[in-house]
Structure formats: C-alpha cells, structure tokens
Amino acid sequence: QVQLVESGGGLVQPGGSLRLSCAVSGSIHNIYIMGWYRQAPGKERDLVASITSGGITNYANSVKGRFTISGDNAKNTMYLQMNSLKPEDTAVYYCWLWYNGVGYWGQGTQVTVSS
C-alpha cells in the first residue's frame, strides 16, 4: 500500500523560504509522476509543480523561478523548495503521486505567508 506523508509547512514572512517534503512509503518502480498541489480557502485545488520518474519538471506560471521540485529516489522523498514566498502562496499543500493508473494523495500541510 502506498502512502504519502507531507511535512515542512508553517508560517513564514513574505520573501521567506520553506521546503516541503513528501515521504513515500511502499515500493514504487518504473514510470510515475509526482507533484504538489495547493488549495486556498474557497478555491479549487491547483497544480503547483510536477516531476516525472524521468526527471521532467513542470511548474505553474505563478511559481516559476521561485519554486523548485525535486526527488531523492534513495530516500523515497520528494521536495518542494519555495523561495520568495508571497501572501498569495498561502494554502494547504498536497503531495500527489500517479502510479500504475492510481492516484494517491497526502494529508496536506499548511503554508501561511504573512507578516
């Protein structure tokens, strides 16, 4: 059974940085896609960034140049480095995995950008 556990959220001032982690339990092989979504109050859940097993990355326009997605296969962990954070980045961030035709979600971690 695959499970995803996020960590690293918190409160940060505008212009600050945070790094989110998503630990994957269970065995994953071959082709997959992982990503980060976020959902602000009253809004839809939107894709922030994704990465394939081949290392191809994709970013929402709103975070390009500020956020970096990466993975460590040895640790079964995905990261989202968030720099130059803005108040509009405030949301619950969810880890997502697409593997063998099944989608998996983490429980979410709150990121609040405020002075």
N, C-alpha and C. Protein backbone atom coordinates (compact mmCIF):
# COMPACT_ATOMS: atom_id res chain seq x y z
N GLN A 1 0.85 -1.19 0.00
CA GLN A 1 0.00 0.00 0.00
C GLN A 1 0.89 1.24 0.00
N VAL A 2 0.59 2.16 -0.90
CA VAL A 2 1.38 3.38 -1.00
C VAL A 2 0.75 4.45 -0.11
N GLN A 3 1.58 5.13 0.65
CA GLN A 3 1.13 6.25 1.47
C GLN A 3 2.09 7.41 1.32
N LEU A 4 1.52 8.62 1.38
CA LEU A 4 2.30 9.84 1.25
C LEU A 4 2.15 10.67 2.52
N VAL A 5 3.26 11.16 3.03
CA VAL A 5 3.23 11.98 4.24
C VAL A 5 4.03 13.25 4.00
N GLU A 6 3.32 14.40 4.07
CA GLU A 6 3.97 15.69 3.88
C GLU A 6 4.48 16.24 5.21
N SER A 7 5.47 17.09 5.10
CA SER A 7 5.98 17.83 6.26
C SER A 7 6.66 19.09 5.76
N GLY A 8 6.91 20.02 6.69
CA GLY A 8 7.67 21.22 6.34
C GLY A 8 6.87 22.49 6.21
N GLY A 9 5.55 22.41 6.35
CA GLY A 9 4.75 23.62 6.28
C GLY A 9 4.93 24.49 7.51
N GLY A 10 4.34 25.67 7.46
CA GLY A 10 4.44 26.55 8.61
C GLY A 10 4.13 27.98 8.24
N LEU A 11 4.47 28.88 9.17
CA LEU A 11 4.25 30.31 8.99
C LEU A 11 5.58 30.96 8.60
N VAL A 12 5.54 31.76 7.56
CA VAL A 12 6.76 32.44 7.10
C VAL A 12 6.39 33.85 6.65
N GLN A 13 7.32 34.76 6.78
CA GLN A 13 7.08 36.12 6.33
C GLN A 13 7.23 36.24 4.82
N PRO A 14 6.58 37.22 4.23
CA PRO A 14 6.77 37.44 2.78
C PRO A 14 8.24 37.59 2.43
N GLY A 15 8.65 36.96 1.35
CA GLY A 15 10.04 36.96 0.95
C GLY A 15 10.84 35.82 1.52
N GLY A 16 10.26 35.09 2.44
CA GLY A 16 10.96 33.99 3.08
C GLY A 16 10.91 32.70 2.27
N SER A 17 11.46 31.64 2.86
CA SER A 17 11.55 30.35 2.19
C SER A 17 11.06 29.22 3.09
N LEU A 18 10.58 28.18 2.46
CA LEU A 18 10.21 26.95 3.13
C LEU A 18 10.54 25.79 2.20
N ARG A 19 10.80 24.62 2.80
CA ARG A 19 10.96 23.43 2.00
C ARG A 19 9.98 22.38 2.48
N LEU A 20 9.13 21.93 1.57
CA LEU A 20 8.18 20.87 1.87
C LEU A 20 8.78 19.52 1.47
N SER A 21 8.45 18.51 2.26
CA SER A 21 8.89 17.15 1.95
C SER A 21 7.68 16.24 1.84
N CYS A 22 7.80 15.24 0.99
CA CYS A 22 6.75 14.22 0.84
C CYS A 22 7.43 12.86 0.86
N ALA A 23 7.23 12.14 1.95
CA ALA A 23 7.83 10.82 2.08
C ALA A 23 6.86 9.77 1.56
N VAL A 24 7.35 8.90 0.71
CA VAL A 24 6.53 7.86 0.10
C VAL A 24 6.85 6.52 0.74
N SER A 25 5.84 5.88 1.31
CA SER A 25 6.03 4.54 1.86
C SER A 25 5.44 3.53 0.88
N GLY A 26 6.06 2.35 0.81
CA GLY A 26 5.64 1.38 -0.18
C GLY A 26 6.60 1.39 -1.36
N SER A 27 6.59 0.35 -2.13
CA SER A 27 7.53 0.22 -3.23
C SER A 27 6.97 0.85 -4.50
N ILE A 28 7.78 1.67 -5.12
CA ILE A 28 7.40 2.29 -6.39
C ILE A 28 8.49 2.00 -7.41
N HIS A 29 8.06 1.47 -8.56
CA HIS A 29 9.03 1.15 -9.59
C HIS A 29 8.55 1.71 -10.91
N ASN A 30 9.46 1.79 -11.82
CA ASN A 30 9.16 2.19 -13.20
C ASN A 30 8.60 3.60 -13.28
N ILE A 31 7.63 3.77 -14.16
CA ILE A 31 7.18 5.11 -14.51
C ILE A 31 6.15 5.63 -13.51
N TYR A 32 6.36 6.87 -13.09
CA TYR A 32 5.41 7.53 -12.22
C TYR A 32 5.50 9.03 -12.45
N ILE A 33 4.52 9.72 -11.91
CA ILE A 33 4.53 11.18 -11.87
C ILE A 33 4.20 11.59 -10.45
N MET A 34 4.93 12.56 -9.94
CA MET A 34 4.63 13.10 -8.61
C MET A 34 4.49 14.61 -8.72
N GLY A 35 3.79 15.17 -7.77
CA GLY A 35 3.61 16.60 -7.83
C GLY A 35 3.11 17.19 -6.53
N TRP A 36 3.01 18.51 -6.55
CA TRP A 36 2.45 19.27 -5.44
C TRP A 36 1.26 20.07 -5.95
N TYR A 37 0.17 19.98 -5.21
CA TYR A 37 -1.00 20.80 -5.46
C TYR A 37 -1.18 21.71 -4.24
N ARG A 38 -1.97 22.76 -4.44
CA ARG A 38 -2.32 23.60 -3.29
C ARG A 38 -3.76 24.05 -3.42
N GLN A 39 -4.35 24.29 -2.25
CA GLN A 39 -5.74 24.74 -2.21
C GLN A 39 -5.89 25.82 -1.16
N ALA A 40 -6.27 26.99 -1.62
CA ALA A 40 -6.54 28.10 -0.72
C ALA A 40 -8.02 28.07 -0.34
N PRO A 41 -8.39 28.69 0.78
CA PRO A 41 -9.80 28.69 1.21
C PRO A 41 -10.71 29.24 0.12
N GLY A 42 -11.76 28.48 -0.19
CA GLY A 42 -12.73 28.91 -1.17
C GLY A 42 -12.30 28.76 -2.61
N LYS A 43 -11.13 28.15 -2.83
CA LYS A 43 -10.64 27.99 -4.21
C LYS A 43 -10.43 26.52 -4.53
N GLU A 44 -10.24 26.25 -5.82
CA GLU A 44 -10.01 24.88 -6.26
C GLU A 44 -8.57 24.46 -5.96
N ARG A 45 -8.36 23.16 -5.96
CA ARG A 45 -7.02 22.62 -5.78
C ARG A 45 -6.29 22.71 -7.12
N ASP A 46 -5.17 23.38 -7.13
CA ASP A 46 -4.43 23.61 -8.37
C ASP A 46 -3.05 22.98 -8.32
N LEU A 47 -2.58 22.58 -9.49
CA LEU A 47 -1.23 22.02 -9.58
C LEU A 47 -0.20 23.13 -9.43
N VAL A 48 0.78 22.88 -8.60
CA VAL A 48 1.88 23.83 -8.39
C VAL A 48 3.10 23.41 -9.21
N ALA A 49 3.46 22.13 -9.09
CA ALA A 49 4.63 21.63 -9.80
C ALA A 49 4.54 20.11 -9.87
N SER A 50 5.17 19.54 -10.89
CA SER A 50 5.19 18.08 -11.03
C SER A 50 6.55 17.64 -11.54
N ILE A 51 6.84 16.36 -11.30
CA ILE A 51 8.10 15.77 -11.76
C ILE A 51 7.83 14.33 -12.15
N THR A 52 8.40 13.90 -13.27
CA THR A 52 8.22 12.52 -13.71
C THR A 52 9.39 11.67 -13.22
N SER A 53 9.23 10.37 -13.35
CA SER A 53 10.31 9.47 -12.97
C SER A 53 11.54 9.69 -13.83
N GLY A 54 11.35 10.31 -15.00
CA GLY A 54 12.47 10.62 -15.87
C GLY A 54 13.10 11.97 -15.57
N GLY A 55 12.55 12.67 -14.59
CA GLY A 55 13.14 13.94 -14.17
C GLY A 55 12.60 15.17 -14.87
N ILE A 56 11.55 15.02 -15.65
CA ILE A 56 10.95 16.17 -16.34
C ILE A 56 10.07 16.92 -15.36
N THR A 57 10.29 18.23 -15.27
CA THR A 57 9.53 19.05 -14.33
C THR A 57 8.59 20.00 -15.05
N ASN A 58 7.57 20.40 -14.32
CA ASN A 58 6.59 21.34 -14.85
C ASN A 58 6.13 22.22 -13.71
N TYR A 59 5.93 23.51 -13.99
CA TYR A 59 5.54 24.46 -12.94
C TYR A 59 4.37 25.32 -13.38
N ALA A 60 3.55 25.68 -12.42
CA ALA A 60 2.54 26.69 -12.68
C ALA A 60 3.24 28.02 -12.92
N ASN A 61 2.65 28.85 -13.78
CA ASN A 61 3.28 30.13 -14.11
C ASN A 61 3.50 30.99 -12.86
N SER A 62 2.60 30.87 -11.91
CA SER A 62 2.67 31.72 -10.73
C SER A 62 3.87 31.41 -9.83
N VAL A 63 4.49 30.25 -10.01
CA VAL A 63 5.61 29.87 -9.13
C VAL A 63 6.93 29.70 -9.87
N LYS A 64 6.90 29.84 -11.19
CA LYS A 64 8.12 29.67 -11.97
C LYS A 64 9.20 30.65 -11.51
N GLY A 65 10.40 30.13 -11.34
CA GLY A 65 11.51 30.96 -10.89
C GLY A 65 11.59 31.11 -9.39
N ARG A 66 10.57 30.69 -8.67
CA ARG A 66 10.56 30.79 -7.20
C ARG A 66 10.56 29.43 -6.52
N PHE A 67 9.87 28.45 -7.11
CA PHE A 67 9.75 27.12 -6.53
C PHE A 67 10.56 26.12 -7.35
N THR A 68 11.09 25.12 -6.66
CA THR A 68 11.82 24.05 -7.32
C THR A 68 11.37 22.70 -6.76
N ILE A 69 10.96 21.82 -7.67
CA ILE A 69 10.56 20.47 -7.27
C ILE A 69 11.71 19.52 -7.54
N SER A 70 11.91 18.57 -6.64
CA SER A 70 12.99 17.60 -6.81
C SER A 70 12.63 16.31 -6.10
N GLY A 71 13.39 15.26 -6.41
CA GLY A 71 13.14 13.99 -5.77
C GLY A 71 14.45 13.30 -5.40
N ASP A 72 14.39 12.52 -4.35
CA ASP A 72 15.52 11.71 -3.91
C ASP A 72 15.06 10.25 -3.90
N ASN A 73 15.40 9.51 -4.94
CA ASN A 73 14.92 8.14 -5.06
C ASN A 73 15.44 7.26 -3.93
N ALA A 74 16.64 7.54 -3.47
CA ALA A 74 17.23 6.72 -2.41
C ALA A 74 16.44 6.85 -1.12
N LYS A 75 15.85 8.03 -0.91
CA LYS A 75 15.08 8.28 0.31
C LYS A 75 13.57 8.17 0.08
N ASN A 76 13.16 7.88 -1.17
CA ASN A 76 11.73 7.84 -1.48
C ASN A 76 11.03 9.12 -1.03
N THR A 77 11.66 10.23 -1.32
CA THR A 77 11.12 11.51 -0.85
C THR A 77 11.16 12.54 -1.98
N MET A 78 10.10 13.34 -2.03
CA MET A 78 10.00 14.44 -2.99
C MET A 78 10.02 15.73 -2.20
N TYR A 79 10.57 16.78 -2.81
CA TYR A 79 10.69 18.06 -2.13
C TYR A 79 10.10 19.18 -2.98
N LEU A 80 9.71 20.24 -2.30
CA LEU A 80 9.34 21.48 -2.96
C LEU A 80 10.04 22.62 -2.21
N GLN A 81 11.05 23.17 -2.84
CA GLN A 81 11.74 24.32 -2.28
C GLN A 81 11.01 25.57 -2.73
N MET A 82 10.56 26.35 -1.76
CA MET A 82 9.77 27.55 -2.06
C MET A 82 10.52 28.78 -1.58
N ASN A 83 10.90 29.62 -2.50
CA ASN A 83 11.62 30.86 -2.18
C ASN A 83 10.77 32.07 -2.56
N SER A 84 11.17 33.22 -2.04
CA SER A 84 10.46 34.47 -2.35
C SER A 84 8.96 34.31 -2.18
N LEU A 85 8.56 33.75 -1.07
CA LEU A 85 7.15 33.47 -0.84
C LEU A 85 6.32 34.75 -0.74
N LYS A 86 5.10 34.64 -1.24
CA LYS A 86 4.16 35.76 -1.26
C LYS A 86 2.91 35.39 -0.47
N PRO A 87 2.18 36.37 0.01
CA PRO A 87 0.93 36.05 0.73
C PRO A 87 -0.03 35.19 -0.10
N GLU A 88 -0.02 35.38 -1.40
CA GLU A 88 -0.91 34.57 -2.25
C GLU A 88 -0.48 33.12 -2.38
N ASP A 89 0.67 32.76 -1.84
CA ASP A 89 1.09 31.36 -1.79
C ASP A 89 0.47 30.62 -0.60
N THR A 90 -0.22 31.35 0.25
CA THR A 90 -0.87 30.74 1.41
C THR A 90 -1.92 29.74 0.96
N ALA A 91 -1.80 28.51 1.45
CA ALA A 91 -2.70 27.43 1.06
C ALA A 91 -2.31 26.16 1.81
N VAL A 92 -3.16 25.15 1.68
CA VAL A 92 -2.77 23.81 2.10
C VAL A 92 -2.13 23.15 0.88
N TYR A 93 -0.94 22.63 1.09
CA TYR A 93 -0.17 21.99 0.01
C TYR A 93 -0.29 20.47 0.14
N TYR A 94 -0.62 19.84 -0.97
CA TYR A 94 -0.83 18.39 -1.01
C TYR A 94 0.19 17.73 -1.92
N CYS A 95 0.73 16.64 -1.44
CA CYS A 95 1.59 15.80 -2.25
C CYS A 95 0.72 14.83 -3.05
N TRP A 96 1.12 14.54 -4.28
CA TRP A 96 0.33 13.69 -5.17
C TRP A 96 1.25 12.76 -5.93
N LEU A 97 0.78 11.53 -6.11
CA LEU A 97 1.54 10.52 -6.86
C LEU A 97 0.59 9.82 -7.82
N TRP A 98 1.04 9.68 -9.08
CA TRP A 98 0.29 8.88 -10.05
C TRP A 98 1.15 7.69 -10.41
N TYR A 99 0.66 6.49 -10.07
CA TYR A 99 1.48 5.28 -10.25
C TYR A 99 0.60 4.10 -10.57
N ASN A 100 0.93 3.39 -11.65
CA ASN A 100 0.16 2.21 -12.07
C ASN A 100 -1.33 2.51 -12.20
N GLY A 101 -1.64 3.68 -12.74
CA GLY A 101 -3.03 4.01 -13.00
C GLY A 101 -3.83 4.44 -11.79
N VAL A 102 -3.16 4.65 -10.68
CA VAL A 102 -3.85 5.04 -9.45
C VAL A 102 -3.24 6.33 -8.93
N GLY A 103 -4.10 7.23 -8.46
CA GLY A 103 -3.64 8.47 -7.86
C GLY A 103 -3.67 8.39 -6.34
N TYR A 104 -2.65 8.92 -5.73
CA TYR A 104 -2.54 8.91 -4.26
C TYR A 104 -2.33 10.36 -3.78
N TRP A 105 -2.89 10.66 -2.61
CA TRP A 105 -2.77 12.00 -2.03
C TRP A 105 -2.23 11.90 -0.61
N GLY A 106 -1.45 12.92 -0.24
CA GLY A 106 -1.08 13.07 1.15
C GLY A 106 -2.18 13.80 1.90
N GLN A 107 -1.94 14.01 3.19
CA GLN A 107 -2.97 14.62 4.04
C GLN A 107 -2.94 16.14 3.97
N GLY A 108 -1.89 16.70 3.43
CA GLY A 108 -1.78 18.15 3.28
C GLY A 108 -0.99 18.78 4.40
N THR A 109 -0.33 19.88 4.09
CA THR A 109 0.40 20.65 5.08
C THR A 109 0.15 22.14 4.82
N GLN A 110 -0.12 22.88 5.88
CA GLN A 110 -0.50 24.29 5.76
C GLN A 110 0.74 25.15 5.58
N VAL A 111 0.67 26.03 4.60
CA VAL A 111 1.70 27.05 4.41
C VAL A 111 1.01 28.41 4.51
N THR A 112 1.49 29.23 5.42
CA THR A 112 0.92 30.56 5.62
C THR A 112 2.02 31.60 5.45
N VAL A 113 1.80 32.53 4.53
CA VAL A 113 2.77 33.59 4.28
C VAL A 113 2.16 34.90 4.75
N SER A 114 2.69 35.43 5.83
CA SER A 114 2.10 36.62 6.44
C SER A 114 3.12 37.33 7.30
N SER A 115 2.99 38.64 7.37
CA SER A 115 3.86 39.43 8.25
C SER A 115 3.19 39.65 9.60
